Amino acid sequence: MNLKTLTIFTLALATFACVSAQSQFAVAAPGNTARLEKKPDFFSAFKPSTPHITNLTTSRRYATCANKPGVLQLGLGYGSTIGGGYVTVKDSFARYMEPGIGLTYNINFRFQYGVSEGISLGFYLRKDVGDYTTTNLKSQFKGFTVNGLSFGFEGKVYPINNEMFAVYIAPMVGVSFANSTIRDYQKAHSGKGVGLNYGITAGVNWYWTETLGMSFDIGYAATSMAGLFNNFEMAGMDYQIKYGGIYAGAGVVLKFDTAKY
């Protein structure tokens, strides 16, 4: 091999090596992009899949619910019940039952604690004052009043539960203690009574901020009590008072997520 032939061979070999080296770093053609993107790499195993994204969305929605496990609700409100009732006075000789209509209003404190996203449990304490007038114009009784305290247990079920609005259905049952006065045309007869209160309401908690809002309720509430008169001339006579009707109320609600603390 002479010098000319060796020079041509060397140049050809160098040109082939240069072209091969450049092809390793060349930008992929559009047609090959899909093929290159499909190549797996080490970090692809740590990329979130579709189930992880779904769980993240669910957690974000769950975090914005007004009621959920660990959420504490404190409410202070005012309510009134308009409807009817009756008073029964009885002794060993006679029994008198007189109907009446009137209004009972209350100031209440409510406590609720979330046990699940759709349920909370708690209790209530309220001050009750009521005045009822007889509807029997021929009766010797003119009506009755009650003034006492009630407390009991209340549960809430939330068919709608989001960040700003929580619509609920709330059954309740408790005990009432009251001083009662039954009026007749001559004088008033007073006594202490005890009994049950119960009801069911539908309502909404409307939150303006993360912790502050208002509540609105409407439903049915009733009280049934029995007691003895304090008057000397009525000694030995007992009475029963039952009243109830349409309840409506509103109040302020404070909400705290105890799971954050």
Protein backbone atom coordinates (compact mmCIF):
# COMPACT_ATOMS: atom_id res chain seq x y z
CA MET A 1 0.00 0.00 0.00
CA ASN A 2 1.48 3.28 -1.16
CA LEU A 3 1.22 6.61 0.64
CA LYS A 4 -1.67 7.89 -1.48
CA THR A 5 -3.81 4.82 -0.83
CA LEU A 6 -3.05 4.92 2.92
CA THR A 7 -4.02 8.59 3.12
CA ILE A 8 -7.39 7.98 1.40
CA PHE A 9 -8.16 5.03 3.72
CA THR A 10 -7.30 7.02 6.83
CA LEU A 11 -9.51 9.96 5.79
CA ALA A 12 -12.44 7.64 5.08
CA LEU A 13 -12.09 5.93 8.47
CA ALA A 14 -11.95 9.26 10.30
CA THR A 15 -15.02 10.55 8.45
CA PHE A 16 -17.03 7.43 9.38
CA ALA A 17 -16.01 7.71 13.03
CA CYS A 18 -17.00 11.38 13.17
CA VAL A 19 -20.42 10.74 11.64
CA SER A 20 -21.07 7.86 14.06
CA ALA A 21 -20.15 10.00 17.07
CA GLN A 22 -22.43 12.86 16.02
CA SER A 23 -25.40 10.52 15.54
CA GLN A 24 -25.30 9.64 19.27
CA PHE A 25 -26.00 13.27 20.22
CA ALA A 26 -28.28 14.27 17.36
CA VAL A 27 -31.78 15.67 18.14
CA ALA A 28 -34.40 13.06 17.51
CA ALA A 29 -36.53 13.54 14.46
CA PRO A 30 -40.22 14.21 14.98
CA GLY A 31 -41.06 10.74 13.89
CA ASN A 32 -38.88 9.21 16.57
CA THR A 33 -40.11 11.40 19.46
CA ALA A 34 -42.87 9.01 20.54
CA ARG A 35 -40.43 6.10 20.50
CA LEU A 36 -37.94 7.95 22.70
CA GLU A 37 -40.62 9.10 25.16
CA LYS A 38 -41.71 5.53 25.73
CA LYS A 39 -38.30 4.50 27.00
CA PRO A 40 -38.50 3.82 30.74
CA ASP A 41 -36.13 5.49 33.15
CA PHE A 42 -35.25 4.96 36.79
CA PHE A 43 -37.47 7.79 38.13
CA SER A 44 -40.63 6.70 36.28
CA ALA A 45 -41.37 4.17 39.02
CA PHE A 46 -41.80 7.03 41.51
CA LYS A 47 -44.19 9.11 39.41
CA PRO A 48 -47.82 9.22 40.78
CA SER A 49 -50.31 7.10 38.91
CA THR A 50 -53.99 7.88 38.35
CA PRO A 51 -55.18 6.30 41.67
CA HIS A 52 -52.83 8.58 43.61
CA ILE A 53 -54.24 11.64 41.87
CA THR A 54 -57.81 10.48 42.61
CA ASN A 55 -57.00 10.01 46.30
CA LEU A 56 -55.47 13.48 46.40
CA THR A 57 -58.66 14.96 44.97
CA THR A 58 -60.78 13.04 47.46
CA SER A 59 -58.64 14.20 50.37
CA ARG A 60 -58.89 17.81 49.22
CA ARG A 61 -62.70 17.56 49.03
CA TYR A 62 -62.85 15.85 52.43
CA ALA A 63 -60.69 18.57 53.98
CA THR A 64 -63.16 21.27 52.94
CA CYS A 65 -66.20 19.64 54.57
CA ALA A 66 -67.80 21.73 57.31
CA ASN A 67 -68.40 18.62 59.44
CA LYS A 68 -65.92 15.75 59.67
CA PRO A 69 -64.32 13.67 62.44
CA GLY A 70 -62.80 15.91 65.08
CA VAL A 71 -64.73 19.08 64.22
CA LEU A 72 -66.17 20.84 67.27
CA GLN A 73 -69.22 23.12 66.87
CA LEU A 74 -70.33 25.56 69.58
CA GLY A 75 -73.61 27.41 69.07
CA LEU A 76 -75.45 30.16 70.93
CA GLY A 77 -78.92 31.01 69.66
CA TYR A 78 -82.51 32.06 70.14
CA GLY A 79 -85.63 30.12 69.22
CA SER A 80 -89.38 30.10 69.65
CA THR A 81 -92.19 27.57 69.43
CA ILE A 82 -95.67 28.66 68.43
CA GLY A 83 -98.53 26.22 68.84
CA GLY A 84 -100.92 24.73 71.33
CA GLY A 85 -101.08 22.75 74.51
CA TYR A 86 -103.28 21.83 77.41
CA VAL A 87 -103.21 21.67 81.16
CA THR A 88 -104.76 18.91 83.23
CA VAL A 89 -105.55 19.34 86.94
CA LYS A 90 -106.79 16.39 88.91
CA ASP A 91 -107.51 15.39 92.47
CA SER A 92 -109.23 12.42 94.02
CA PHE A 93 -112.66 13.69 92.95
CA ALA A 94 -112.31 15.40 89.59
CA ARG A 95 -110.14 15.89 86.53
CA TYR A 96 -110.05 19.10 84.49
CA MET A 97 -108.41 19.39 81.08
CA GLU A 98 -108.18 22.78 79.39
CA PRO A 99 -106.69 23.54 75.95
CA GLY A 100 -104.63 26.61 75.18
CA ILE A 101 -102.59 28.36 72.51
CA GLY A 102 -99.44 30.39 72.96
CA LEU A 103 -95.72 30.84 72.50
CA THR A 104 -92.56 29.51 74.13
CA TYR A 105 -89.20 31.10 73.49
CA ASN A 106 -85.73 30.03 74.55
CA ILE A 107 -82.08 30.98 74.66
CA ASN A 108 -79.97 27.92 73.90
CA PHE A 109 -76.42 26.62 73.89
CA ARG A 110 -75.53 23.73 71.57
CA PHE A 111 -72.46 21.50 71.41
CA GLN A 112 -71.69 19.14 68.51
CA TYR A 113 -68.71 16.90 67.75
CA GLY A 114 -68.14 15.28 64.38
CA VAL A 115 -67.84 11.49 64.48
CA SER A 116 -67.88 11.05 60.69
CA GLU A 117 -68.23 13.21 57.60
CA GLY A 118 -72.02 12.86 57.70
CA ILE A 119 -72.83 12.61 61.43
CA SER A 120 -72.19 14.67 64.55
CA LEU A 121 -73.36 14.08 68.13
CA GLY A 122 -73.82 16.46 71.03
CA PHE A 123 -76.09 18.05 73.60
CA TYR A 124 -78.05 21.25 74.22
CA LEU A 125 -78.92 23.43 77.21
CA ARG A 126 -81.65 26.05 77.04
CA LYS A 127 -83.72 28.47 79.09
CA ASP A 128 -87.47 28.14 78.34
CA VAL A 129 -90.21 30.70 78.98
CA GLY A 130 -93.76 30.15 77.75
CA ASP A 131 -97.22 31.66 78.07
CA TYR A 132 -100.44 29.94 76.93
CA THR A 133 -104.03 31.21 77.01
CA THR A 134 -107.03 28.91 77.26
CA THR A 135 -109.31 28.60 74.26
CA ASN A 136 -112.27 27.42 76.36
CA LEU A 137 -114.09 30.63 77.24
CA LYS A 138 -116.43 28.84 79.64
CA SER A 139 -113.57 27.41 81.70
CA GLN A 140 -112.57 28.65 85.13
CA PHE A 141 -108.94 28.52 83.97
CA LYS A 142 -107.38 31.41 82.03
CA GLY A 143 -104.13 29.77 80.95
CA PHE A 144 -100.71 28.73 82.19
CA THR A 145 -97.07 29.82 82.10
CA VAL A 146 -93.80 27.88 82.32
CA ASN A 147 -90.31 29.04 83.22
CA GLY A 148 -87.45 26.57 83.46
CA LEU A 149 -84.43 24.79 82.05
CA SER A 150 -84.13 22.00 79.50
CA PHE A 151 -81.20 19.87 78.45
CA GLY A 152 -80.75 16.79 76.33
CA PHE A 153 -78.99 15.03 73.51
CA GLU A 154 -79.02 16.01 69.85
CA GLY A 155 -77.67 14.26 66.78
CA LYS A 156 -77.21 15.69 63.30
CA VAL A 157 -77.17 13.98 59.92
CA TYR A 158 -75.72 16.02 57.03
CA PRO A 159 -77.15 15.29 53.55
CA ILE A 160 -75.24 18.36 52.26
CA ASN A 161 -71.81 19.06 53.70
CA ASN A 162 -69.35 21.41 52.03
CA GLU A 163 -66.96 24.16 53.04
CA MET A 164 -69.47 27.00 53.54
CA PHE A 165 -72.85 25.24 53.92
CA ALA A 166 -73.85 22.22 55.98
CA VAL A 167 -77.51 21.19 55.76
CA TYR A 168 -78.62 18.86 58.53
CA ILE A 169 -81.54 16.98 60.10
CA ALA A 170 -81.43 16.98 63.90
CA PRO A 171 -83.57 14.80 66.22
CA MET A 172 -83.38 15.63 69.95
CA VAL A 173 -84.66 14.36 73.28
CA GLY A 174 -84.08 15.60 76.83
CA VAL A 175 -85.42 16.54 80.24
CA SER A 176 -87.17 19.75 81.34
CA PHE A 177 -87.48 21.29 84.80
CA ALA A 178 -89.82 24.25 85.21
CA ASN A 179 -91.86 26.36 87.56
CA SER A 180 -95.43 26.37 86.26
CA THR A 181 -98.28 28.70 87.08
CA ILE A 182 -101.90 27.91 86.27
CA ARG A 183 -104.22 30.92 86.31
CA ASP A 184 -107.89 30.88 87.11
CA TYR A 185 -110.32 33.74 87.60
CA GLN A 186 -109.57 33.99 91.32
CA LYS A 187 -105.81 33.49 91.69
CA ALA A 188 -102.74 31.74 90.29
CA HIS A 189 -101.61 28.31 91.45
CA SER A 190 -97.90 27.52 91.16
CA GLY A 191 -95.93 24.32 91.22
CA LYS A 192 -92.72 22.66 90.11
CA GLY A 193 -92.77 20.21 87.25
CA VAL A 194 -90.45 17.82 85.46
CA GLY A 195 -90.81 15.92 82.21
CA LEU A 196 -89.54 15.24 78.72
CA ASN A 197 -88.81 17.52 75.80
CA TYR A 198 -88.34 16.21 72.26
CA GLY A 199 -88.41 17.30 68.66
CA ILE A 200 -86.82 17.23 65.24
CA THR A 201 -85.56 20.11 63.13
CA ALA A 202 -83.95 20.73 59.77
CA GLY A 203 -81.34 23.43 59.54
CA VAL A 204 -78.24 24.86 57.92
CA ASN A 205 -74.89 26.08 59.19
CA TRP A 206 -73.65 28.95 57.01
CA TYR A 207 -69.98 29.76 57.57
CA TRP A 208 -68.51 33.16 56.69
CA THR A 209 -64.98 32.17 57.68
CA GLU A 210 -63.21 28.96 58.64
CA THR A 211 -64.43 29.28 62.25
CA LEU A 212 -67.41 31.67 62.32
CA GLY A 213 -70.93 31.31 60.95
CA MET A 214 -74.67 31.26 61.61
CA SER A 215 -77.26 28.53 62.05
CA PHE A 216 -80.95 28.45 61.07
CA ASP A 217 -83.45 25.82 62.23
CA ILE A 218 -87.09 25.00 61.63
CA GLY A 219 -89.06 21.99 62.79
CA TYR A 220 -91.22 20.59 65.56
CA ALA A 221 -90.65 20.75 69.34
CA ALA A 222 -92.76 19.67 72.32
CA THR A 223 -92.61 19.37 76.13
CA SER A 224 -94.63 17.22 78.53
CA MET A 225 -94.35 17.81 82.28
CA ALA A 226 -96.08 16.80 85.50
CA GLY A 227 -95.87 18.27 88.99
CA LEU A 228 -97.49 19.20 92.29
CA PHE A 229 -98.90 22.54 93.39
CA ASN A 230 -97.17 24.55 96.10
CA ASN A 231 -100.33 26.33 97.25
CA PHE A 232 -101.74 25.18 100.56
CA GLU A 233 -105.31 25.19 99.25
CA MET A 234 -104.21 23.03 96.28
CA ALA A 235 -102.22 20.55 98.36
CA GLY A 236 -102.74 16.98 97.25
CA MET A 237 -103.59 18.00 93.67
CA ASP A 238 -101.24 17.37 90.80
CA TYR A 239 -101.15 18.72 87.27
CA GLN A 240 -99.86 17.90 83.81
CA ILE A 241 -98.84 20.37 81.11
CA LYS A 242 -98.19 19.51 77.49
CA TYR A 243 -97.35 22.03 74.76
CA GLY A 244 -95.56 22.17 71.44
CA GLY A 245 -95.70 23.30 67.86
CA ILE A 246 -93.63 24.78 65.04
CA TYR A 247 -90.12 25.71 66.12
CA ALA A 248 -87.87 28.28 64.41
CA GLY A 249 -84.48 29.51 65.59
CA ALA A 250 -81.21 31.16 64.63
CA GLY A 251 -77.82 31.59 66.25
CA VAL A 252 -74.07 32.05 65.97
CA VAL A 253 -71.80 29.03 65.42
CA LEU A 254 -68.09 28.65 66.14
CA LYS A 255 -66.26 25.74 64.47
CA PHE A 256 -62.89 24.26 65.41
CA ASP A 257 -61.02 21.37 63.83
CA THR A 258 -59.50 19.64 66.87
CA ALA A 259 -57.52 17.29 64.58
CA LYS A 260 -55.19 20.21 63.80
CA TYR A 261 -54.14 20.60 67.43
